[in-house]
Amino acid sequence: MKNLLLVSISILLLSCSQEDRKSEREKQIDATKEIVMKFFNAQSEGDIETMKSLVSEDFQYTLNGQLDISNTYYGWDEFLKFMGEFGTLLKGSVGAEFLEIIPSENTAIIFAEGRMEGIAGKYENEYALKYTLNKDGQITAIKEYLSDLLLAQKLYGQDLCGKKMAYKNENLNMLLLANVSDVDAFKKYSYDINQPKFKNWSDASKSVFAKVNDTTVIELFFDIDKVQLQEFLNDPEVSENISRFNFKPIRYSFETYIDWPTSSVVK
């Protein structure tokens, strides 16, 4: 009876310990969400002082893409200078509509849609911004994903696409956010295996793969041939590699619907 009592107490203590760890994790996620939303709202309102108070000394900002302004900007001053130069390409007020946030312990992804106007008309880009925080709760890095094709058309004019490359009208870029059963396993046994075939339907050298959390991934593809992409997705080997990880798109920015091979049962 005594041994049974000791076992019961041990199980109870272990259960409480697990609940405490879970609770701390949830608190950390909530704290990350609060900090990131505070920064996003401050940026939307033009509150520079609040923004600055939330970043670390080694802060860096990266604008993903292939334009001349697609770069990593190191430090607060470089970031502020970039934002000022970017603002000169816009007409009127600068704003974005918040859509959703996906937070984890030390990172968060915000999805937003622009509400601005450039020299060539309405500039309503779709954004995915990944925020990374340090142990002190300061934002150390922001990486912004968007359609630089749209940026080039609306802010530079259709014939000026920046210094790095000229876009072809028939090719598109795509940002994809998806849930999988295990991101690390998906990267190793699906993405990496399928990657050699990316060159058949996109510029594989520019592809981006980023882990949001253990079950969420963000991918970015450039210069996509839609017909070849659909053939790639119809490949039985590719389909099997994708579907066995319960691949389920959450959001993607693409001109037309693509028949993604997904599992019939999502665990």
Protein backbone atom coordinates (compact mmCIF):
# COMPACT_ATOMS: atom_id res chain seq x y z
CA MET A 1 0.00 0.00 0.00
CA LYS A 2 2.87 2.35 0.90
CA ASN A 3 4.58 1.71 -2.45
CA LEU A 4 1.30 2.28 -4.27
CA LEU A 5 0.86 5.60 -2.45
CA LEU A 6 4.39 6.70 -3.38
CA VAL A 7 3.78 5.84 -7.03
CA SER A 8 0.51 7.78 -7.01
CA ILE A 9 2.19 10.82 -5.47
CA SER A 10 5.02 10.63 -8.04
CA ILE A 11 2.54 10.50 -10.91
CA LEU A 12 0.64 13.47 -9.45
CA LEU A 13 3.83 15.51 -9.01
CA LEU A 14 4.94 14.66 -12.56
CA SER A 15 1.54 15.68 -13.91
CA CYS A 16 1.69 18.99 -12.02
CA SER A 17 5.22 19.58 -13.30
CA GLN A 18 4.10 19.01 -16.89
CA GLU A 19 1.18 21.38 -16.39
CA ASP A 20 3.56 24.01 -14.98
CA ARG A 21 5.84 23.68 -18.02
CA LYS A 22 2.89 23.92 -20.36
CA SER A 23 1.62 26.95 -18.51
CA GLU A 24 5.03 28.67 -18.76
CA ARG A 25 5.15 27.93 -22.47
CA GLU A 26 1.71 29.42 -22.96
CA LYS A 27 2.75 32.49 -20.98
CA GLN A 28 5.82 32.90 -23.17
CA ILE A 29 3.72 32.61 -26.33
CA ASP A 30 1.29 35.23 -24.99
CA ALA A 31 4.19 37.55 -24.11
CA THR A 32 5.69 37.18 -27.60
CA LYS A 33 2.31 37.88 -29.18
CA GLU A 34 1.85 41.01 -27.07
CA ILE A 35 5.30 42.42 -27.92
CA VAL A 36 4.98 41.74 -31.64
CA MET A 37 1.46 43.20 -31.83
CA LYS A 38 2.66 46.27 -29.92
CA PHE A 39 5.42 46.79 -32.49
CA PHE A 40 3.10 46.19 -35.45
CA ASN A 41 0.48 48.63 -34.11
CA ALA A 42 3.13 51.23 -33.32
CA GLN A 43 4.50 50.96 -36.86
CA SER A 44 0.98 51.30 -38.30
CA GLU A 45 0.47 54.45 -36.20
CA GLY A 46 3.90 55.92 -36.93
CA ASP A 47 4.95 55.69 -33.27
CA ILE A 48 8.72 55.55 -33.80
CA GLU A 49 9.66 55.80 -30.12
CA THR A 50 7.57 52.78 -29.15
CA MET A 51 8.99 50.79 -32.06
CA LYS A 52 12.56 51.64 -31.04
CA SER A 53 11.90 50.67 -27.42
CA LEU A 54 10.97 47.13 -28.49
CA VAL A 55 14.06 46.23 -30.54
CA SER A 56 17.49 45.02 -29.47
CA GLU A 57 20.81 46.74 -30.15
CA ASP A 58 21.69 44.10 -32.75
CA PHE A 59 18.32 44.43 -34.50
CA GLN A 60 18.17 43.69 -38.21
CA TYR A 61 15.44 43.89 -40.84
CA THR A 62 15.34 41.89 -44.08
CA LEU A 63 13.14 42.61 -47.07
CA ASN A 64 13.03 39.37 -49.02
CA GLY A 65 12.96 39.53 -52.81
CA GLN A 66 14.98 40.36 -55.91
CA LEU A 67 14.75 44.15 -56.19
CA ASP A 68 17.50 46.67 -55.50
CA ILE A 69 15.90 47.43 -52.12
CA SER A 70 15.63 43.72 -51.21
CA ASN A 71 18.32 43.57 -48.57
CA THR A 72 19.19 43.11 -44.92
CA TYR A 73 19.42 46.37 -42.99
CA TYR A 74 21.55 46.22 -39.85
CA GLY A 75 20.72 48.37 -36.85
CA TRP A 76 17.90 50.76 -36.03
CA ASP A 77 19.35 53.68 -38.01
CA GLU A 78 19.64 51.66 -41.25
CA PHE A 79 16.10 50.36 -40.80
CA LEU A 80 14.74 53.87 -40.21
CA LYS A 81 16.60 55.19 -43.24
CA PHE A 82 15.16 52.40 -45.40
CA MET A 83 11.62 53.09 -44.15
CA GLY A 84 12.04 56.77 -45.01
CA GLU A 85 13.24 56.01 -48.54
CA PHE A 86 10.46 53.47 -49.02
CA GLY A 87 7.93 56.09 -47.94
CA THR A 88 9.00 58.39 -50.77
CA LEU A 89 7.65 55.79 -53.25
CA LEU A 90 4.15 56.09 -51.79
CA LYS A 91 1.38 58.63 -52.12
CA GLY A 92 -0.62 59.75 -49.11
CA SER A 93 -0.80 57.73 -45.91
CA VAL A 94 0.98 54.44 -45.22
CA GLY A 95 -1.10 51.66 -43.72
CA ALA A 96 -1.76 47.95 -43.53
CA GLU A 97 -4.72 45.90 -42.34
CA PHE A 98 -3.85 43.25 -39.76
CA LEU A 99 -5.17 39.81 -40.75
CA GLU A 100 -3.80 37.30 -38.22
CA ILE A 101 -0.84 36.35 -36.06
CA ILE A 102 0.74 32.93 -35.48
CA PRO A 103 2.96 33.14 -32.37
CA SER A 104 5.36 30.67 -30.74
CA GLU A 105 7.76 31.04 -27.80
CA ASN A 106 10.27 33.38 -29.44
CA THR A 107 8.92 33.98 -32.95
CA ALA A 108 5.69 35.17 -34.52
CA ILE A 109 4.35 35.53 -38.05
CA ILE A 110 1.97 38.39 -38.83
CA PHE A 111 -0.13 38.43 -41.99
CA ALA A 112 -1.30 41.82 -43.22
CA GLU A 113 -2.64 43.47 -46.35
CA GLY A 114 -1.45 46.88 -47.49
CA ARG A 115 -3.73 49.86 -47.89
CA MET A 116 -1.51 52.27 -49.81
CA GLU A 117 -1.06 53.96 -53.17
CA GLY A 118 2.04 54.14 -55.34
CA ILE A 119 2.95 56.09 -58.44
CA ALA A 120 1.16 53.51 -60.62
CA GLY A 121 -2.04 53.14 -58.61
CA LYS A 122 -3.30 51.21 -55.59
CA TYR A 123 -0.61 49.26 -53.81
CA GLU A 124 -2.36 46.52 -51.83
CA ASN A 125 0.35 43.94 -51.30
CA GLU A 126 0.05 40.91 -49.03
CA TYR A 127 2.66 40.63 -46.30
CA ALA A 128 4.04 37.92 -44.06
CA LEU A 129 6.37 39.32 -41.39
CA LYS A 130 8.44 36.99 -39.23
CA TYR A 131 9.54 38.48 -35.90
CA THR A 132 12.30 36.88 -33.80
CA LEU A 133 12.75 37.77 -30.12
CA ASN A 134 15.68 37.24 -27.77
CA LYS A 135 15.51 35.90 -24.20
CA ASP A 136 14.91 39.44 -22.91
CA GLY A 137 11.77 39.83 -25.00
CA GLN A 138 13.37 42.26 -27.47
CA ILE A 139 12.82 41.99 -31.22
CA THR A 140 16.15 41.06 -32.80
CA ALA A 141 15.04 40.44 -36.37
CA ILE A 142 12.16 41.05 -38.75
CA LYS A 143 11.98 39.30 -42.11
CA GLU A 144 9.33 40.55 -44.51
CA TYR A 145 7.91 38.48 -47.37
CA LEU A 146 5.79 40.08 -50.08
CA SER A 147 5.17 40.10 -53.81
CA ASP A 148 8.03 42.19 -55.15
CA LEU A 149 6.45 41.82 -58.59
CA LEU A 150 3.53 43.94 -57.34
CA LEU A 151 5.91 46.29 -55.56
CA ALA A 152 7.87 46.80 -58.77
CA GLN A 153 4.72 47.46 -60.79
CA LYS A 154 3.00 49.87 -58.39
CA LEU A 155 5.92 51.70 -56.79
CA TYR A 156 8.49 51.74 -59.59
CA GLY A 157 6.18 51.58 -62.59
CA GLN A 158 5.64 48.53 -64.79
CA ASP A 159 8.77 48.98 -66.85
CA LEU A 160 11.11 49.50 -63.90
CA CYS A 161 11.64 46.42 -61.74
CA GLY A 162 14.70 47.40 -59.75
CA LYS A 163 18.34 46.76 -60.62
CA LYS A 164 18.59 43.05 -59.89
CA MET A 165 16.24 41.59 -62.45
CA ALA A 166 13.39 42.25 -64.90
CA TYR A 167 10.24 40.24 -64.31
CA LYS A 168 8.32 38.43 -66.99
CA ASN A 169 4.58 38.93 -66.94
CA GLU A 170 3.88 35.22 -67.39
CA ASN A 171 5.85 34.25 -64.27
CA LEU A 172 4.66 34.72 -60.71
CA ASN A 173 5.96 34.58 -57.16
CA MET A 174 4.23 32.62 -54.41
CA LEU A 175 4.25 32.80 -50.63
CA LEU A 176 2.92 29.70 -48.92
CA LEU A 177 2.15 29.00 -45.26
CA ALA A 178 1.25 25.42 -44.36
CA ASN A 179 0.74 23.02 -41.46
CA VAL A 180 2.61 19.70 -41.43
CA SER A 181 2.89 16.94 -38.85
CA ASP A 182 6.59 17.65 -38.17
CA VAL A 183 8.50 20.52 -39.83
CA ASP A 184 11.99 19.06 -39.35
CA ALA A 185 10.99 15.69 -40.80
CA PHE A 186 9.08 17.38 -43.63
CA LYS A 187 12.16 19.46 -44.50
CA LYS A 188 14.46 16.42 -44.58
CA TYR A 189 12.22 13.79 -46.15
CA SER A 190 9.95 15.85 -48.40
CA TYR A 191 11.19 19.36 -49.19
CA ASP A 192 14.87 18.41 -49.63
CA ILE A 193 13.98 15.33 -51.68
CA ASN A 194 11.62 17.26 -53.95
CA GLN A 195 13.89 20.31 -54.24
CA PRO A 196 15.91 19.12 -57.29
CA LYS A 197 12.63 19.20 -59.25
CA PHE A 198 11.90 22.83 -58.27
CA LYS A 199 14.02 24.00 -61.21
CA ASN A 200 11.40 22.59 -63.59
CA TRP A 201 8.80 25.17 -62.52
CA SER A 202 10.64 27.99 -60.68
CA ASP A 203 14.00 29.62 -60.07
CA ALA A 204 15.11 27.07 -57.47
CA SER A 205 18.13 29.16 -56.43
CA LYS A 206 15.80 31.73 -54.82
CA SER A 207 13.48 29.35 -52.95
CA VAL A 208 13.03 30.08 -49.24
CA PHE A 209 12.10 27.62 -46.49
CA ALA A 210 11.49 28.89 -42.93
CA LYS A 211 10.28 27.09 -39.82
CA VAL A 212 7.64 29.04 -37.88
CA ASN A 213 7.16 26.38 -35.20
CA ASP A 214 7.18 22.56 -34.97
CA THR A 215 4.12 22.19 -37.21
CA THR A 216 4.06 25.36 -39.34
CA VAL A 217 6.27 26.22 -42.29
CA ILE A 218 6.54 29.19 -44.63
CA GLU A 219 7.86 28.77 -48.18
CA LEU A 220 8.59 31.31 -50.90
CA PHE A 221 9.02 30.58 -54.61
CA PHE A 222 10.01 32.91 -57.47
CA ASP A 223 9.40 33.02 -61.23
CA ILE A 224 6.84 30.23 -61.25
CA ASP A 225 5.60 28.56 -64.40
CA LYS A 226 2.05 27.59 -63.38
CA VAL A 227 1.69 24.77 -65.91
CA GLN A 228 4.97 23.17 -64.86
CA LEU A 229 4.08 23.64 -61.18
CA GLN A 230 0.84 21.71 -61.63
CA GLU A 231 2.75 18.92 -63.39
CA PHE A 232 5.17 18.86 -60.45
CA LEU A 233 2.30 18.51 -57.98
CA ASN A 234 0.76 15.74 -60.07
CA ASP A 235 3.98 13.70 -59.91
CA PRO A 236 3.11 10.60 -57.78
CA GLU A 237 6.45 10.66 -55.96
CA VAL A 238 6.11 14.35 -55.12
CA SER A 239 2.51 13.89 -54.04
CA GLU A 240 3.47 11.01 -51.73
CA ASN A 241 6.37 12.97 -50.20
CA ILE A 242 4.07 15.89 -49.45
CA SER A 243 0.90 14.12 -48.30
CA ARG A 244 2.51 11.70 -45.84
CA PHE A 245 3.35 14.66 -43.60
CA ASN A 246 -0.29 15.79 -43.47
CA PHE A 247 0.53 18.86 -45.55
CA LYS A 248 -2.28 21.40 -45.30
CA PRO A 249 -1.98 24.93 -46.76
CA ILE A 250 -3.18 27.66 -44.40
CA ARG A 251 -2.62 30.62 -46.69
CA TYR A 252 -0.93 31.27 -50.01
CA SER A 253 -0.71 34.19 -52.37
CA PHE A 254 -1.08 32.97 -55.94
CA GLU A 255 -3.02 34.03 -59.01
CA THR A 256 -5.01 30.83 -59.48
CA TYR A 257 -6.01 27.80 -57.41
CA ILE A 258 -3.48 24.98 -57.28
CA ASP A 259 -4.51 21.40 -56.55
CA TRP A 260 -2.26 20.71 -53.54
CA PRO A 261 -1.86 17.02 -52.67
CA THR A 262 -2.98 16.79 -49.04
CA SER A 263 -3.81 13.93 -46.69
CA SER A 264 -7.43 13.01 -46.27
CA VAL A 265 -6.94 12.84 -42.49
CA VAL A 266 -5.05 15.58 -40.68
CA LYS A 267 -3.79 14.52 -37.26
